[in-house]
């Protein structure tokens, strides 16, 4: 018997569902990952000379990849026996990037919540995942995203020599003057 790569399962399912509603939801689900990456890399309110923006993007993208790898480990180790798709790597990746976007500028919240909901819906309607898989991916994404975003904020404060309560507190996101404009 020939062993198929891990990603071949959804591709084989899609081949049999061509033209069905599940097929189109699957396409939508797969297009969400590049969309989240573009949102992170092209997030507004940053200048080329702004190194904080580059660090933010590099750590954010690395955190999303780490979250995806952790979900892959969870699937390989079968943290939930007889449930090989738990947790959702799509969701972990997207939630991690959403944490970085909202941490950067809270106004992203109005965009990321509907996009995350649509991603979850697409993953369920395409039969890639069940809601428990989505919830598991959300937890992984939140843990990785919040943990690494806080680490990035602390490292920025140390680098700039400020403390969280001081008037010149460093933050990873845009300055207050930039966000009021």
Protein backbone atom coordinates (compact mmCIF):
# COMPACT_ATOMS: atom_id res chain seq x y z
CA UNK A 1 0.00 0.00 0.00
CA UNK A 2 1.31 3.46 -0.90
CA UNK A 3 1.33 6.02 1.92
CA UNK A 4 -0.14 9.34 0.87
CA UNK A 5 1.24 12.63 2.16
CA UNK A 6 -0.78 14.34 4.89
CA UNK A 7 -2.09 17.02 2.52
CA UNK A 8 -3.32 14.52 -0.09
CA UNK A 9 -6.48 13.65 1.89
CA UNK A 10 -8.31 16.96 1.27
CA UNK A 11 -7.12 17.01 -2.36
CA UNK A 12 -8.63 13.57 -2.98
CA UNK A 13 -11.88 14.60 -1.29
CA UNK A 14 -12.03 17.73 -3.46
CA UNK A 15 -11.56 15.70 -6.63
CA UNK A 16 -14.74 13.77 -5.85
CA UNK A 17 -16.72 16.88 -4.88
CA UNK A 18 -15.95 19.03 -7.93
CA UNK A 19 -18.85 21.39 -8.58
CA UNK A 20 -20.53 20.74 -5.21
CA UNK A 21 -21.07 23.38 -2.54
CA UNK A 22 -18.44 21.67 -0.40
CA UNK A 23 -15.91 22.14 -3.20
CA UNK A 24 -16.46 25.91 -3.27
CA UNK A 25 -16.30 26.20 0.52
CA UNK A 26 -13.03 24.26 0.42
CA UNK A 27 -11.60 26.70 -2.12
CA UNK A 28 -12.68 29.61 0.11
CA UNK A 29 -11.06 27.97 3.15
CA UNK A 30 -7.77 27.49 1.30
CA UNK A 31 -7.75 31.11 0.08
CA UNK A 32 -8.00 32.42 3.63
CA UNK A 33 -4.40 31.54 4.54
CA UNK A 34 -2.80 33.75 1.89
CA UNK A 35 -5.34 36.46 2.75
CA UNK A 36 -4.26 36.46 6.41
CA UNK A 37 -0.60 36.59 5.40
CA UNK A 38 -1.24 39.58 3.12
CA UNK A 39 -3.18 41.35 5.88
CA UNK A 40 -0.26 40.91 8.26
CA UNK A 41 2.42 41.96 5.80
CA UNK A 42 0.49 44.89 4.35
CA UNK A 43 -1.12 46.15 7.56
CA UNK A 44 -1.48 49.93 7.28
CA UNK A 45 0.17 52.50 9.48
CA UNK A 46 3.79 51.61 9.06
CA UNK A 47 6.70 53.22 7.32
CA UNK A 48 9.64 51.52 5.61
CA UNK A 49 12.03 52.96 8.17
CA UNK A 50 9.92 51.69 11.06
CA UNK A 51 11.84 48.69 12.37
CA UNK A 52 9.10 47.96 14.90
CA UNK A 53 6.82 47.23 11.96
CA UNK A 54 9.28 44.77 10.45
CA UNK A 55 9.81 43.00 13.78
CA UNK A 56 6.07 42.85 14.28
CA UNK A 57 5.57 41.23 10.87
CA UNK A 58 8.47 38.80 11.21
CA UNK A 59 7.43 37.61 14.68
CA UNK A 60 3.75 37.54 13.67
CA UNK A 61 4.38 35.39 10.61
CA UNK A 62 6.78 33.12 12.54
CA UNK A 63 4.19 32.74 15.30
CA UNK A 64 1.52 31.76 12.77
CA UNK A 65 3.82 29.13 11.25
CA UNK A 66 4.65 27.85 14.75
CA UNK A 67 0.94 27.57 15.58
CA UNK A 68 0.37 25.60 12.37
CA UNK A 69 3.28 23.28 13.19
CA UNK A 70 1.90 22.71 16.69
CA UNK A 71 -1.45 21.68 15.23
CA UNK A 72 0.37 19.33 12.86
CA UNK A 73 2.12 17.80 15.87
CA UNK A 74 -1.26 17.45 17.57
CA UNK A 75 -2.61 15.60 14.54
CA UNK A 76 0.46 13.37 14.30
CA UNK A 77 0.43 12.51 18.01
CA UNK A 78 -3.38 12.14 17.95
CA UNK A 79 -4.16 14.25 21.00
CA UNK A 80 -7.78 13.25 20.43
CA UNK A 81 -7.86 9.52 19.55
CA UNK A 82 -9.87 8.57 16.45
CA UNK A 83 -10.07 12.24 15.48
CA UNK A 84 -7.11 12.85 13.15
CA UNK A 85 -7.97 16.43 12.13
CA UNK A 86 -7.90 17.97 15.60
CA UNK A 87 -6.90 20.82 15.98
CA UNK A 88 -7.37 22.98 12.89
CA UNK A 89 -4.12 24.39 11.52
CA UNK A 90 -6.03 26.84 9.31
CA UNK A 91 -7.70 28.32 12.36
CA UNK A 92 -4.54 28.40 14.48
CA UNK A 93 -2.67 30.24 11.70
CA UNK A 94 -5.46 32.79 11.20
CA UNK A 95 -6.10 33.38 14.91
CA UNK A 96 -2.38 33.95 15.56
CA UNK A 97 -2.20 36.58 12.83
CA UNK A 98 -5.47 38.11 14.09
CA UNK A 99 -3.93 38.48 17.57
CA UNK A 100 -0.98 40.35 16.08
CA UNK A 101 -3.20 42.60 13.97
CA UNK A 102 -5.48 43.49 16.89
CA UNK A 103 -2.48 43.94 19.18
CA UNK A 104 -0.98 46.31 16.61
CA UNK A 105 -4.15 48.36 16.23
CA UNK A 106 -7.43 47.56 18.01
CA UNK A 107 -9.41 48.80 15.00
CA UNK A 108 -8.54 45.53 13.25
CA UNK A 109 -11.01 43.81 15.58
CA UNK A 110 -13.96 44.84 13.39
CA UNK A 111 -12.36 42.99 10.45
CA UNK A 112 -10.79 39.93 12.04
CA UNK A 113 -13.88 38.69 13.91
CA UNK A 114 -16.04 38.36 10.76
CA UNK A 115 -13.12 36.91 8.77
CA UNK A 116 -12.42 34.32 11.46
CA UNK A 117 -16.12 33.43 11.57
CA UNK A 118 -16.21 33.03 7.80
CA UNK A 119 -13.08 30.87 7.89
CA UNK A 120 -14.62 28.61 10.54
CA UNK A 121 -17.84 28.35 8.54
CA UNK A 122 -15.92 27.53 5.35
CA UNK A 123 -13.90 24.83 7.12
CA UNK A 124 -17.04 23.20 8.55
CA UNK A 125 -19.12 23.47 5.36
CA UNK A 126 -16.27 22.03 3.29
CA UNK A 127 -16.10 19.05 5.67
CA UNK A 128 -12.42 19.74 6.41
CA UNK A 129 -13.20 20.12 10.12
CA UNK A 130 -15.91 19.94 12.75
CA UNK A 131 -16.54 22.78 15.24
CA UNK A 132 -14.38 21.06 17.90
CA UNK A 133 -11.40 21.19 15.51
CA UNK A 134 -12.01 24.91 15.00
CA UNK A 135 -12.19 25.48 18.76
CA UNK A 136 -8.93 23.57 19.26
CA UNK A 137 -7.19 25.61 16.56
CA UNK A 138 -8.51 28.80 18.16
CA UNK A 139 -7.02 27.85 21.52
CA UNK A 140 -3.64 27.02 19.95
CA UNK A 141 -3.67 30.28 17.97
CA UNK A 142 -4.57 32.36 21.02
CA UNK A 143 -1.90 30.78 23.21
CA UNK A 144 0.86 31.18 20.61
CA UNK A 145 -0.31 34.61 19.39
CA UNK A 146 -0.83 36.23 22.79
CA UNK A 147 2.33 34.68 24.22
CA UNK A 148 4.59 35.82 21.39
CA UNK A 149 2.94 39.23 21.04
CA UNK A 150 3.52 39.90 24.75
CA UNK A 151 7.10 38.69 24.39
CA UNK A 152 7.57 41.11 21.47
CA UNK A 153 6.15 44.01 23.49
CA UNK A 154 8.45 43.24 26.43
CA UNK A 155 11.49 43.00 24.16
CA UNK A 156 10.60 46.34 22.55
CA UNK A 157 10.30 47.96 25.97
CA UNK A 158 13.68 46.56 27.03
CA UNK A 159 15.27 47.64 23.77
CA UNK A 160 13.97 51.19 24.15
CA UNK A 161 14.63 51.28 27.90
CA UNK A 162 11.08 52.09 28.98
CA UNK A 163 8.74 50.52 31.51
CA UNK A 164 5.07 49.60 30.99
CA UNK A 165 3.78 52.35 33.30
CA UNK A 166 6.09 55.15 32.16
CA UNK A 167 4.90 58.02 30.00
CA UNK A 168 7.17 56.99 27.15
CA UNK A 169 6.01 53.38 27.16
CA UNK A 170 7.04 51.53 24.07
CA UNK A 171 4.44 49.56 22.26
CA UNK A 172 4.59 47.36 19.25
CA UNK A 173 1.69 49.14 17.58
CA UNK A 174 1.50 52.61 16.06
CA UNK A 175 2.01 55.63 18.27
CA UNK A 176 -1.00 57.41 19.76
CA UNK A 177 -0.37 60.40 17.52
CA UNK A 178 -0.46 58.19 14.42
CA UNK A 179 -3.67 56.42 15.47
CA UNK A 180 -5.50 59.69 16.21
CA UNK A 181 -4.80 61.00 12.70
